Amino acid sequence: MRADQLRFTLYRWIATFFGAGYSPRIPGTIGTVATIPLFLLIRGLSFLWYSAVVFVITLAGIYTSSAMEKEWGKDPSMVVIDEVAGFLVALVPRPRKWQTILYAFVIFRALDILKPPPIGTVDKKVKGGLGIMGDDLLAGGMTALILSIMGCLVKR
């Protein structure tokens, strides 16, 4: 295998999160579900290390999704590394209860699908890998904020 073929294969595996993006239906949702085992593996890390892992995944996602967009067209549905990074951002509070992870999943997917402002603005106006990743990272940040507010309200 030539070096450029090997590089393309690596980019494809990262961008599709080890093939989760090849799901014939709802690849974004499948990619989000596929993130849960990774989250369970890294949620015990300190905030700094957890953030570093998310940062590295985000950088890899920007780069590989940009490369795959050149091969597969604008914002290809097979690219789900954006859902992985976004959902990991949503889970920054690193919840322990499965119910909270489920709430995060539902809120994140709703925001990613409906794309309310400013998520939809980023989706439409930012191009390339940063645009592919940006709307999901924003949806993840908004999900984390909503979960934090819900957590404060429940504690009262």
Protein backbone atom coordinates (compact mmCIF):
# COMPACT_ATOMS: atom_id res chain seq x y z
CA MET A 1 0.00 0.00 0.00
CA ARG A 2 1.37 3.38 -1.00
CA ALA A 3 1.82 6.12 1.58
CA ASP A 4 -0.99 8.28 0.15
CA GLN A 5 -3.38 5.30 0.17
CA LEU A 6 -2.43 4.55 3.78
CA ARG A 7 -2.97 8.21 4.75
CA PHE A 8 -6.40 8.27 3.03
CA THR A 9 -7.38 5.04 4.82
CA LEU A 10 -6.34 6.52 8.18
CA TYR A 11 -8.28 9.75 7.49
CA ARG A 12 -11.34 7.75 6.46
CA TRP A 13 -11.22 5.65 9.68
CA ILE A 14 -10.89 8.75 11.85
CA ALA A 15 -13.56 10.75 9.99
CA THR A 16 -16.05 7.85 10.11
CA PHE A 17 -15.07 7.01 13.70
CA PHE A 18 -13.89 3.51 12.87
CA GLY A 19 -16.72 2.92 10.39
CA ALA A 20 -19.69 4.14 12.44
CA GLY A 21 -20.36 6.73 9.74
CA TYR A 22 -20.99 4.02 7.18
CA SER A 23 -24.35 3.24 8.77
CA PRO A 24 -26.93 3.39 5.97
CA ARG A 25 -29.40 5.19 8.22
CA ILE A 26 -28.92 7.93 10.83
CA PRO A 27 -25.09 7.91 10.72
CA GLY A 28 -24.88 10.98 12.98
CA THR A 29 -26.94 9.28 15.66
CA ILE A 30 -24.92 6.07 15.28
CA GLY A 31 -21.71 8.08 15.58
CA THR A 32 -23.03 9.70 18.75
CA VAL A 33 -23.94 6.31 20.24
CA ALA A 34 -20.50 4.99 19.25
CA THR A 35 -18.98 7.80 21.35
CA ILE A 36 -20.41 6.45 24.60
CA PRO A 37 -17.80 3.66 25.11
CA LEU A 38 -15.03 6.21 24.49
CA PHE A 39 -16.64 8.56 27.01
CA LEU A 40 -16.89 5.78 29.59
CA LEU A 41 -13.20 5.07 29.02
CA ILE A 42 -12.05 8.67 29.49
CA ARG A 43 -14.57 10.19 31.93
CA GLY A 44 -12.37 9.27 34.91
CA LEU A 45 -9.58 11.50 33.62
CA SER A 46 -8.95 14.85 35.24
CA PHE A 47 -10.69 17.78 33.59
CA LEU A 48 -7.38 18.83 32.02
CA TRP A 49 -6.69 15.39 30.49
CA TYR A 50 -10.30 14.95 29.39
CA SER A 51 -10.15 18.34 27.68
CA ALA A 52 -6.83 17.42 26.05
CA VAL A 53 -8.35 14.25 24.59
CA VAL A 54 -11.33 16.22 23.25
CA PHE A 55 -8.96 18.84 21.82
CA VAL A 56 -6.87 16.22 19.98
CA ILE A 57 -10.03 14.56 18.61
CA THR A 58 -11.27 17.97 17.49
CA LEU A 59 -8.03 18.82 15.68
CA ALA A 60 -7.97 15.39 14.03
CA GLY A 61 -11.63 15.88 13.10
CA ILE A 62 -11.07 19.29 11.51
CA TYR A 63 -8.21 17.93 9.44
CA THR A 64 -9.74 14.61 8.40
CA SER A 65 -13.25 15.95 7.74
CA SER A 66 -11.75 18.61 5.51
CA ALA A 67 -9.86 15.92 3.58
CA MET A 68 -12.96 13.72 3.30
CA GLU A 69 -15.08 16.65 2.14
CA LYS A 70 -12.71 16.98 -0.84
CA GLU A 71 -13.28 13.30 -1.65
CA TRP A 72 -16.97 12.87 -0.75
CA GLY A 73 -18.50 16.34 -1.22
CA LYS A 74 -19.80 19.04 1.13
CA ASP A 75 -20.37 17.93 4.74
CA PRO A 76 -20.63 14.20 3.92
CA SER A 77 -22.97 12.24 6.18
CA MET A 78 -20.34 9.50 6.58
CA VAL A 79 -18.14 11.92 8.53
CA VAL A 80 -19.19 11.50 12.16
CA ILE A 81 -16.05 12.57 13.99
CA ASP A 82 -17.88 15.90 14.43
CA GLU A 83 -20.59 14.13 16.44
CA VAL A 84 -17.91 12.38 18.50
CA ALA A 85 -16.15 15.63 19.40
CA GLY A 86 -19.43 17.48 19.95
CA PHE A 87 -20.89 14.80 22.21
CA LEU A 88 -17.67 14.64 24.24
CA VAL A 89 -17.99 18.42 24.72
CA ALA A 90 -21.61 17.87 25.81
CA LEU A 91 -20.33 15.40 28.39
CA VAL A 92 -17.63 17.72 29.81
CA PRO A 93 -19.46 17.69 33.17
CA ARG A 94 -18.58 13.95 33.04
CA PRO A 95 -21.88 12.62 34.39
CA ARG A 96 -21.91 9.31 36.27
CA LYS A 97 -25.61 8.48 35.98
CA TRP A 98 -26.80 6.79 32.79
CA GLN A 99 -29.93 8.95 32.87
CA THR A 100 -27.84 12.11 32.57
CA ILE A 101 -25.90 10.61 29.66
CA LEU A 102 -29.23 9.81 28.01
CA TYR A 103 -30.47 13.38 28.57
CA ALA A 104 -27.23 14.67 27.05
CA PHE A 105 -27.69 12.37 24.06
CA VAL A 106 -31.25 13.54 23.40
CA ILE A 107 -30.45 17.25 23.86
CA PHE A 108 -27.30 17.04 21.75
CA ARG A 109 -29.00 15.20 18.88
CA ALA A 110 -31.96 17.60 18.96
CA LEU A 111 -29.67 20.63 18.77
CA ASP A 112 -27.55 19.01 16.05
CA ILE A 113 -30.58 18.11 13.93
CA LEU A 114 -32.67 21.26 14.46
CA LYS A 115 -29.68 23.62 14.35
CA PRO A 116 -31.13 26.63 16.17
CA PRO A 117 -29.10 29.85 16.09
CA PRO A 118 -26.15 30.14 16.48
CA ILE A 119 -25.57 26.46 15.55
CA GLY A 120 -27.32 26.83 12.19
CA THR A 121 -25.36 30.00 11.44
CA VAL A 122 -22.05 28.20 11.95
CA ASP A 123 -23.30 25.27 9.87
CA LYS A 124 -24.18 27.55 6.93
CA LYS A 125 -21.42 30.15 7.07
CA VAL A 126 -18.25 28.31 8.13
CA LYS A 127 -16.71 26.18 5.41
CA GLY A 128 -14.47 23.10 5.34
CA GLY A 129 -13.45 20.98 8.28
CA LEU A 130 -13.95 23.81 10.76
CA GLY A 131 -17.53 24.23 9.57
CA ILE A 132 -18.20 20.49 9.73
CA MET A 133 -16.90 20.36 13.29
CA GLY A 134 -18.01 23.80 14.48
CA ASP A 135 -21.76 23.32 14.61
CA ASP A 136 -21.41 20.07 16.56
CA LEU A 137 -18.92 21.58 19.00
CA LEU A 138 -21.35 24.44 19.58
CA ALA A 139 -24.25 21.98 20.03
CA GLY A 140 -22.09 20.12 22.53
CA GLY A 141 -21.29 23.30 24.44
CA MET A 142 -24.95 24.28 24.56
CA THR A 143 -25.86 20.77 25.73
CA ALA A 144 -23.29 20.96 28.53
CA LEU A 145 -24.72 24.33 29.57
CA ILE A 146 -28.29 23.00 29.55
CA LEU A 147 -27.23 19.95 31.60
CA SER A 148 -25.47 22.19 34.10
CA ILE A 149 -28.55 24.39 34.47
CA MET A 150 -30.76 21.31 34.85
CA GLY A 151 -28.38 19.98 37.51
CA CYS A 152 -28.57 23.24 39.46
CA LEU A 153 -32.36 23.28 39.28
CA VAL A 154 -32.68 19.67 40.40
CA LYS A 155 -30.43 20.26 43.44
CA ARG A 156 -32.74 22.96 44.80
